[in-house]
Amino acid sequence: MKSESGGAESADGEARHILVVDDDDRLRALIARYLGDQGYRVTGAKDAKDAKAKLAGMAFDLIVVDVMMPGQNGIELTRALRDTLDLPILMLTAMGEPEDRIAGLEAGVDDYLAKPFEPRELVLRIATILRRAAPRTPAIEPVASPLKLGSFRFDRNRDLLLNDDAPVRLTTAEAGLLRIFAAAPGRTLSRDALCEEIGADPTGRALDVQIIRLRRKIEANPKEPRYLVTVWGEGYALRPDPDG
């Protein structure tokens, strides 16, 4: 069955596999049932230890993880997984806990959803994340030259960041933001425009957190950025080397 949002199947027609990590048995079962009805393949995990065991034995397309869990919580799990894994992660947070959402973004989640939530919103957010994570078809004409950022290069045809010749791991959120900047090198993009592109609240800190995370990936000194710069009163701009 195809999802109402159109994201339940991969390009080869296989059902997308979602790992749902939540210690609440009832909620985990409800999420699994709803996502299953939408055409996703779903596996549940009751805590971080269980999730790691499932990840070691199966392939997944996305992880849904709750913040509040016994033992290692969702933020700590995300931070641990980000050392070796670049799967998209959607974090479930308690309503009215903005510090959890910011901590989750800093840890490397791609999006968050406050509980209680409408199941349809969960499906739509999952579909959006998977769409952003999907590799783009390389353009044939014209071929965009890589952007040079010191020892880093961003291949705009493959959405691939390299440090010398070594690929740099990016979350889907980081890759999406870099893709937006790379489409308009040197141009200042307003905060509002960037928030609209990534689906962030312009009054919140989500964009700032993603900017900080991206700077850590491409800047020699993230506190004094040379390439991803703040244009005070206007927004942000990516300024590659002239020969990039």
C-alpha atoms as a PDB file:
ATOM      1  CA  MET A   1       0.000   0.000   0.000  1.00  0.00           C
ATOM      2  CA  LYS A   2       1.374   3.380  -0.956  1.00  0.00           C
ATOM      3  CA  SER A   3       1.510   6.141   1.648  1.00  0.00           C
ATOM      4  CA  GLU A   4      -0.808   9.124   1.338  1.00  0.00           C
ATOM      5  CA  SER A   5       2.367  11.211   1.249  1.00  0.00           C
ATOM      6  CA  GLY A   6       3.934   9.104  -1.487  1.00  0.00           C
ATOM      7  CA  GLY A   7       7.134   8.236   0.405  1.00  0.00           C
ATOM      8  CA  ALA A   8       6.604   4.650   1.584  1.00  0.00           C
ATOM      9  CA  GLU A   9       8.477   3.047  -1.312  1.00  0.00           C
ATOM     10  CA  SER A  10      12.051   3.485  -2.469  1.00  0.00           C
ATOM     11  CA  ALA A  11      12.994   4.008  -6.109  1.00  0.00           C
ATOM     12  CA  ASP A  12      13.258   0.243  -6.625  1.00  0.00           C
ATOM     13  CA  GLY A  13       9.753  -0.331  -5.260  1.00  0.00           C
ATOM     14  CA  GLU A  14      10.826  -1.752  -1.888  1.00  0.00           C
ATOM     15  CA  ALA A  15       8.936  -0.649   1.231  1.00  0.00           C
ATOM     16  CA  ARG A  16      10.880   1.846   3.336  1.00  0.00           C
ATOM     17  CA  HIS A  17      11.996   0.351   6.634  1.00  0.00           C
ATOM     18  CA  ILE A  18      11.423   2.481   9.764  1.00  0.00           C
ATOM     19  CA  LEU A  19      12.873   1.754  13.224  1.00  0.00           C
ATOM     20  CA  VAL A  20      10.590   3.078  16.001  1.00  0.00           C
ATOM     21  CA  VAL A  21      12.385   3.435  19.356  1.00  0.00           C
ATOM     22  CA  ASP A  22      10.064   4.101  22.310  1.00  0.00           C
ATOM     23  CA  ASP A  23       9.707   2.488  25.739  1.00  0.00           C
ATOM     24  CA  ASP A  24       5.934   3.006  25.670  1.00  0.00           C
ATOM     25  CA  ASP A  25       4.687  -0.320  24.295  1.00  0.00           C
ATOM     26  CA  ARG A  26       1.266   1.048  23.434  1.00  0.00           C
ATOM     27  CA  LEU A  27       2.530   4.113  21.555  1.00  0.00           C
ATOM     28  CA  ARG A  28       5.182   2.081  19.761  1.00  0.00           C
ATOM     29  CA  ALA A  29       2.533  -0.381  18.600  1.00  0.00           C
ATOM     30  CA  LEU A  30       0.195   2.407  17.478  1.00  0.00           C
ATOM     31  CA  ILE A  31       2.931   4.096  15.460  1.00  0.00           C
ATOM     32  CA  ALA A  32       3.953   0.776  13.916  1.00  0.00           C
ATOM     33  CA  ARG A  33       0.379  -0.033  12.958  1.00  0.00           C
ATOM     34  CA  TYR A  34      -0.286   3.367  11.405  1.00  0.00           C
ATOM     35  CA  LEU A  35       2.969   3.444   9.463  1.00  0.00           C
ATOM     36  CA  GLY A  36       2.345  -0.117   8.355  1.00  0.00           C
ATOM     37  CA  ASP A  37      -1.084   0.890   7.058  1.00  0.00           C
ATOM     38  CA  GLN A  38       0.661   3.612   5.052  1.00  0.00           C
ATOM     39  CA  GLY A  39       2.921   1.090   3.323  1.00  0.00           C
ATOM     40  CA  TYR A  40       6.040   1.281   5.479  1.00  0.00           C
ATOM     41  CA  ARG A  41       7.872  -1.701   6.912  1.00  0.00           C
ATOM     42  CA  VAL A  42       8.245  -1.086  10.662  1.00  0.00           C
ATOM     43  CA  THR A  43      10.424  -2.596  13.376  1.00  0.00           C
ATOM     44  CA  GLY A  44      10.099  -1.581  17.018  1.00  0.00           C
ATOM     45  CA  ALA A  45      12.720  -1.214  19.749  1.00  0.00           C
ATOM     46  CA  LYS A  46      11.932  -0.694  23.436  1.00  0.00           C
ATOM     47  CA  ASP A  47      15.110   1.202  24.362  1.00  0.00           C
ATOM     48  CA  ALA A  48      18.540   2.302  23.107  1.00  0.00           C
ATOM     49  CA  LYS A  49      20.148  -1.096  23.704  1.00  0.00           C
ATOM     50  CA  ASP A  50      17.409  -2.825  21.747  1.00  0.00           C
ATOM     51  CA  ALA A  51      17.696  -0.231  18.973  1.00  0.00           C
ATOM     52  CA  LYS A  52      21.442  -0.785  18.613  1.00  0.00           C
ATOM     53  CA  ALA A  53      20.909  -4.536  18.356  1.00  0.00           C
ATOM     54  CA  LYS A  54      18.288  -4.050  15.625  1.00  0.00           C
ATOM     55  CA  LEU A  55      20.545  -1.612  13.748  1.00  0.00           C
ATOM     56  CA  ALA A  56      23.396  -4.124  13.851  1.00  0.00           C
ATOM     57  CA  GLY A  57      21.256  -6.803  12.227  1.00  0.00           C
ATOM     58  CA  MET A  58      18.940  -4.985   9.827  1.00  0.00           C
ATOM     59  CA  ALA A  59      18.976  -2.146   7.316  1.00  0.00           C
ATOM     60  CA  PHE A  60      16.724   0.860   7.889  1.00  0.00           C
ATOM     61  CA  ASP A  61      15.774   3.997   5.994  1.00  0.00           C
ATOM     62  CA  LEU A  62      14.856   6.173   8.997  1.00  0.00           C
ATOM     63  CA  ILE A  63      14.702   6.109  12.801  1.00  0.00           C
ATOM     64  CA  VAL A  64      11.870   7.526  14.937  1.00  0.00           C
ATOM     65  CA  VAL A  65      13.133   7.920  18.510  1.00  0.00           C
ATOM     66  CA  ASP A  66      11.518   9.211  21.687  1.00  0.00           C
ATOM     67  CA  VAL A  67      13.508  11.570  23.925  1.00  0.00           C
ATOM     68  CA  MET A  68      12.397  10.192  27.277  1.00  0.00           C
ATOM     69  CA  MET A  69      13.542   6.597  27.687  1.00  0.00           C
ATOM     70  CA  PRO A  70      15.104   4.703  30.604  1.00  0.00           C
ATOM     71  CA  GLY A  71      18.830   4.212  30.381  1.00  0.00           C
ATOM     72  CA  GLN A  72      20.238   6.033  27.373  1.00  0.00           C
ATOM     73  CA  ASN A  73      17.701   8.645  26.291  1.00  0.00           C
ATOM     74  CA  GLY A  74      16.877   9.605  22.723  1.00  0.00           C
ATOM     75  CA  ILE A  75      19.339  12.503  22.589  1.00  0.00           C
ATOM     76  CA  GLU A  76      22.181  10.389  23.944  1.00  0.00           C
ATOM     77  CA  LEU A  77      21.307   7.604  21.496  1.00  0.00           C
ATOM     78  CA  THR A  78      21.309  10.036  18.587  1.00  0.00           C
ATOM     79  CA  ARG A  79      24.682  11.432  19.618  1.00  0.00           C
ATOM     80  CA  ALA A  80      26.121   7.923  19.847  1.00  0.00           C
ATOM     81  CA  LEU A  81      24.705   6.850  16.484  1.00  0.00           C
ATOM     82  CA  ARG A  82      25.956   9.955  14.685  1.00  0.00           C
ATOM     83  CA  ASP A  83      29.576   8.800  15.185  1.00  0.00           C
ATOM     84  CA  THR A  84      29.045   5.985  12.705  1.00  0.00           C
ATOM     85  CA  LEU A  85      25.595   6.358  11.142  1.00  0.00           C
ATOM     86  CA  ASP A  86      24.057   8.889   8.784  1.00  0.00           C
ATOM     87  CA  LEU A  87      20.483   7.563   8.782  1.00  0.00           C
ATOM     88  CA  PRO A  88      17.777  10.232   9.048  1.00  0.00           C
ATOM     89  CA  ILE A  89      16.408  10.560  12.602  1.00  0.00           C
ATOM     90  CA  LEU A  90      13.034  11.999  13.651  1.00  0.00           C
ATOM     91  CA  MET A  91      12.825  12.729  17.383  1.00  0.00           C
ATOM     92  CA  LEU A  92       9.616  12.689  19.424  1.00  0.00           C
ATOM     93  CA  THR A  93       9.593  15.279  22.222  1.00  0.00           C
ATOM     94  CA  ALA A  94       7.214  16.298  24.997  1.00  0.00           C
ATOM     95  CA  MET A  95       5.080  19.351  24.236  1.00  0.00           C
ATOM     96  CA  GLY A  96       6.552  22.542  25.690  1.00  0.00           C
ATOM     97  CA  GLU A  97      10.123  21.264  25.991  1.00  0.00           C
ATOM     98  CA  PRO A  98      12.084  23.451  23.536  1.00  0.00           C
ATOM     99  CA  GLU A  99      15.387  22.602  25.230  1.00  0.00           C
ATOM    100  CA  ASP A 100      14.917  18.961  24.212  1.00  0.00           C
ATOM    101  CA  ARG A 101      14.276  19.950  20.617  1.00  0.00           C
ATOM    102  CA  ILE A 102      17.376  22.158  20.484  1.00  0.00           C
ATOM    103  CA  ALA A 103      19.487  19.476  22.175  1.00  0.00           C
ATOM    104  CA  GLY A 104      18.194  16.976  19.629  1.00  0.00           C
ATOM    105  CA  LEU A 105      19.142  19.205  16.710  1.00  0.00           C
ATOM    106  CA  GLU A 106      22.570  19.739  18.216  1.00  0.00           C
ATOM    107  CA  ALA A 107      22.956  15.970  18.549  1.00  0.00           C
ATOM    108  CA  GLY A 108      22.094  15.526  14.858  1.00  0.00           C
ATOM    109  CA  VAL A 109      18.391  14.742  14.486  1.00  0.00           C
ATOM    110  CA  ASP A 110      16.862  15.774  11.177  1.00  0.00           C
ATOM    111  CA  ASP A 111      13.490  16.859  12.557  1.00  0.00           C
ATOM    112  CA  TYR A 112      11.365  16.670  15.685  1.00  0.00           C
ATOM    113  CA  LEU A 113       7.696  16.246  16.466  1.00  0.00           C
ATOM    114  CA  ALA A 114       6.023  17.224  19.748  1.00  0.00           C
ATOM    115  CA  LYS A 115       3.710  14.765  21.508  1.00  0.00           C
ATOM    116  CA  PRO A 116       0.792  14.382  21.350  1.00  0.00           C
ATOM    117  CA  PHE A 117       0.755  14.473  17.550  1.00  0.00           C
ATOM    118  CA  GLU A 118      -1.571  13.600  14.712  1.00  0.00           C
ATOM    119  CA  PRO A 119      -0.483  10.366  12.988  1.00  0.00           C
ATOM    120  CA  ARG A 120      -0.865  12.006   9.593  1.00  0.00           C
ATOM    121  CA  GLU A 121       1.671  14.693  10.575  1.00  0.00           C
ATOM    122  CA  LEU A 122       4.135  11.966  11.539  1.00  0.00           C
ATOM    123  CA  VAL A 123       3.715  10.375   8.103  1.00  0.00           C
ATOM    124  CA  LEU A 124       4.159  13.696   6.318  1.00  0.00           C
ATOM    125  CA  ARG A 125       7.299  14.549   8.271  1.00  0.00           C
ATOM    126  CA  ILE A 126       8.783  11.128   7.588  1.00  0.00           C
ATOM    127  CA  ALA A 127       8.040  11.493   3.873  1.00  0.00           C
ATOM    128  CA  THR A 128       9.663  14.955   3.814  1.00  0.00           C
ATOM    129  CA  ILE A 129      12.812  13.692   5.511  1.00  0.00           C
ATOM    130  CA  LEU A 130      13.096  10.705   3.176  1.00  0.00           C
ATOM    131  CA  ARG A 131      12.574  12.937   0.159  1.00  0.00           C
ATOM    132  CA  ARG A 132      15.421  15.200   1.279  1.00  0.00           C
ATOM    133  CA  ALA A 133      17.625  12.167   1.917  1.00  0.00           C
ATOM    134  CA  ALA A 134      17.037  10.654  -1.523  1.00  0.00           C
ATOM    135  CA  PRO A 135      20.014  10.993  -3.870  1.00  0.00           C
ATOM    136  CA  ARG A 136      19.393  13.363  -6.743  1.00  0.00           C
ATOM    137  CA  THR A 137      19.777  12.330 -10.366  1.00  0.00           C
ATOM    138  CA  PRO A 138      22.997  13.983 -11.571  1.00  0.00           C
ATOM    139  CA  ALA A 139      22.515  16.649 -14.187  1.00  0.00           C
ATOM    140  CA  ILE A 140      23.936  15.981 -17.629  1.00  0.00           C
ATOM    141  CA  GLU A 141      23.895  19.528 -19.016  1.00  0.00           C
ATOM    142  CA  PRO A 142      25.215  21.734 -17.630  1.00  0.00           C
ATOM    143  CA  VAL A 143      27.612  20.094 -15.167  1.00  0.00           C
ATOM    144  CA  ALA A 144      28.210  22.311 -12.146  1.00  0.00           C
ATOM    145  CA  SER A 145      31.831  22.541 -11.032  1.00  0.00           C
ATOM    146  CA  PRO A 146      32.594  21.653  -7.398  1.00  0.00           C
ATOM    147  CA  LEU A 147      32.660  24.456  -4.851  1.00  0.00           C
ATOM    148  CA  LYS A 148      36.046  24.744  -3.158  1.00  0.00           C
ATOM    149  CA  LEU A 149      36.044  25.532   0.565  1.00  0.00           C
ATOM    150  CA  GLY A 150      39.671  25.278   1.608  1.00  0.00           C
ATOM    151  CA  SER A 151      40.487  21.574   1.821  1.00  0.00           C
ATOM    152  CA  PHE A 152      36.806  20.775   1.283  1.00  0.00           C
ATOM    153  CA  ARG A 153      34.930  20.431  -1.992  1.00  0.00           C
ATOM    154  CA  PHE A 154      31.186  20.201  -2.456  1.00  0.00           C
ATOM    155  CA  ASP A 155      30.198  18.264  -5.557  1.00  0.00           C
ATOM    156  CA  ARG A 156      26.938  19.914  -6.589  1.00  0.00           C
ATOM    157  CA  ASN A 157      26.112  17.183  -9.093  1.00  0.00           C
ATOM    158  CA  ARG A 158      26.192  14.437  -6.471  1.00  0.00           C
ATOM    159  CA  ASP A 159      25.446  16.417  -3.279  1.00  0.00           C
ATOM    160  CA  LEU A 160      28.718  15.068  -1.902  1.00  0.00           C
ATOM    161  CA  LEU A 161      31.076  16.865   0.501  1.00  0.00           C
ATOM    162  CA  LEU A 162      34.721  15.793   0.335  1.00  0.00           C
ATOM    163  CA  ASN A 163      37.691  16.643   2.519  1.00  0.00           C
ATOM    164  CA  ASP A 164      40.524  16.134   0.052  1.00  0.00           C
ATOM    165  CA  ASP A 165      39.196  12.857  -1.402  1.00  0.00           C
ATOM    166  CA  ALA A 166      37.479  11.534   1.731  1.00  0.00           C
ATOM    167  CA  PRO A 167      33.672  11.797   1.929  1.00  0.00           C
ATOM    168  CA  VAL A 168      32.392  13.822   4.876  1.00  0.00           C
ATOM    169  CA  ARG A 169      29.370  12.414   6.714  1.00  0.00           C
ATOM    170  CA  LEU A 170      26.397  14.806   6.645  1.00  0.00           C
ATOM    171  CA  THR A 171      22.940  14.417   8.117  1.00  0.00           C
ATOM    172  CA  THR A 172      20.104  14.926   5.648  1.00  0.00           C
ATOM    173  CA  ALA A 173      19.382  18.280   7.296  1.00  0.00           C
ATOM    174  CA  GLU A 174      22.998  19.413   6.899  1.00  0.00           C
ATOM    175  CA  ALA A 175      23.159  18.168   3.302  1.00  0.00           C
ATOM    176  CA  GLY A 176      19.895  19.931   2.469  1.00  0.00           C
ATOM    177  CA  LEU A 177      21.115  23.218   3.920  1.00  0.00           C
ATOM    178  CA  LEU A 178      24.457  22.999   2.104  1.00  0.00           C
ATOM    179  CA  ARG A 179      22.598  22.223  -1.119  1.00  0.00           C
ATOM    180  CA  ILE A 180      20.527  25.416  -0.698  1.00  0.00           C
ATOM    181  CA  PHE A 181      23.638  27.550  -0.182  1.00  0.00           C
ATOM    182  CA  ALA A 182      25.524  25.861  -3.021  1.00  0.00           C
ATOM    183  CA  ALA A 183      22.724  26.706  -5.449  1.00  0.00           C
ATOM    184  CA  ALA A 184      23.462  30.407  -4.879  1.00  0.00           C
ATOM    185  CA  PRO A 185      27.173  30.724  -3.989  1.00  0.00           C
ATOM    186  CA  GLY A 186      28.138  34.169  -2.748  1.00  0.00           C
ATOM    187  CA  ARG A 187      24.544  35.331  -2.436  1.00  0.00           C
ATOM    188  CA  THR A 188      23.125  36.338   0.918  1.00  0.00           C
ATOM    189  CA  LEU A 189      20.060  34.291   1.820  1.00  0.00           C
ATOM    190  CA  SER A 190      17.685  35.763   4.349  1.00  0.00           C
ATOM    191  CA  ARG A 191      16.857  33.977   7.570  1.00  0.00           C
ATOM    192  CA  ASP A 192      13.172  33.825   6.659  1.00  0.00           C
ATOM    193  CA  ALA A 193      13.925  32.333   3.233  1.00  0.00           C
ATOM    194  CA  LEU A 194      16.213  29.687   4.722  1.00  0.00           C
ATOM    195  CA  CYS A 195      13.688  28.774   7.412  1.00  0.00           C
ATOM    196  CA  GLU A 196      11.012  28.376   4.756  1.00  0.00           C
ATOM    197  CA  GLU A 197      13.297  26.128   2.692  1.00  0.00           C
ATOM    198  CA  ILE A 198      14.110  23.802   5.583  1.00  0.00           C
ATOM    199  CA  GLY A 199      10.693  24.008   7.257  1.00  0.00           C
ATOM    200  CA  ALA A 200      11.960  25.663  10.441  1.00  0.00           C
ATOM    201  CA  ASP A 201      10.261  28.181  12.715  1.00  0.00           C
ATOM    202  CA  PRO A 202      11.907  31.569  11.968  1.00  0.00           C
ATOM    203  CA  THR A 203      11.402  32.616  15.599  1.00  0.00           C
ATOM    204  CA  GLY A 204      13.230  29.555  16.951  1.00  0.00           C
ATOM    205  CA  ARG A 205      16.834  28.349  17.022  1.00  0.00           C
ATOM    206  CA  ALA A 206      16.568  25.394  14.638  1.00  0.00           C
ATOM    207  CA  LEU A 207      18.251  27.223  11.751  1.00  0.00           C
ATOM    208  CA  ASP A 208      21.038  28.554  13.976  1.00  0.00           C
ATOM    209  CA  VAL A 209      21.761  25.055  15.271  1.00  0.00           C
ATOM    210  CA  GLN A 210      21.991  23.649  11.744  1.00  0.00           C
ATOM    211  CA  ILE A 211      24.285  26.515  10.680  1.00  0.00           C
ATOM    212  CA  ILE A 212      26.565  25.761  13.645  1.00  0.00           C
ATOM    213  CA  ARG A 213      26.620  22.034  12.831  1.00  0.00           C
ATOM    214  CA  LEU A 214      27.412  22.694   9.167  1.00  0.00           C
ATOM    215  CA  ARG A 215      30.205  25.111  10.081  1.00  0.00           C
ATOM    216  CA  ARG A 216      31.772  22.393  12.215  1.00  0.00           C
ATOM    217  CA  LYS A 217      31.935  20.236   9.092  1.00  0.00           C
ATOM    218  CA  ILE A 218      33.430  22.769   6.633  1.00  0.00           C
ATOM    219  CA  GLU A 219      35.287  25.404   8.646  1.00  0.00           C
ATOM    220  CA  ALA A 220      38.800  25.191  10.113  1.00  0.00           C
ATOM    221  CA  ASN A 221      37.585  27.497  12.899  1.00  0.00           C
ATOM    222  CA  PRO A 222      33.788  27.350  13.204  1.00  0.00           C
ATOM    223  CA  LYS A 223      33.794  30.290  15.649  1.00  0.00           C
ATOM    224  CA  GLU A 224      35.399  32.476  12.985  1.00  0.00           C
ATOM    225  CA  PRO A 225      33.844  31.147   9.772  1.00  0.00           C
ATOM    226  CA  ARG A 226      35.498  31.945   6.483  1.00  0.00           C
ATOM    227  CA  TYR A 227      33.072  30.287   4.102  1.00  0.00           C
ATOM    228  CA  LEU A 228      29.621  30.051   5.712  1.00  0.00           C
ATOM    229  CA  VAL A 229      29.384  33.610   6.954  1.00  0.00           C
ATOM    230  CA  THR A 230      26.800  35.668   8.794  1.00  0.00           C
ATOM    231  CA  VAL A 231      25.776  38.844   6.990  1.00  0.00           C
ATOM    232  CA  TRP A 232      24.533  40.899   9.919  1.00  0.00           C
ATOM    233  CA  GLY A 233      20.996  42.145   9.540  1.00  0.00           C
ATOM    234  CA  GLU A 234      20.527  40.210   6.284  1.00  0.00           C
ATOM    235  CA  GLY A 235      21.136  36.477   6.697  1.00  0.00           C
ATOM    236  CA  TYR A 236      23.823  33.991   5.729  1.00  0.00           C
ATOM    237  CA  ALA A 237      25.985  33.372   2.665  1.00  0.00           C
ATOM    238  CA  LEU A 238      28.292  30.630   1.404  1.00  0.00           C
ATOM    239  CA  ARG A 239      31.427  32.180  -0.075  1.00  0.00           C
ATOM    240  CA  PRO A 240      33.618  29.539  -1.716  1.00  0.00           C
ATOM    241  CA  ASP A 241      37.195  30.098  -2.819  1.00  0.00           C
ATOM    242  CA  PRO A 242      37.437  32.055  -6.102  1.00  0.00           C
ATOM    243  CA  ASP A 243      38.751  29.060  -8.019  1.00  0.00           C
ATOM    244  CA  GLY A 244      35.934  26.847  -6.629  1.00  0.00           C
END
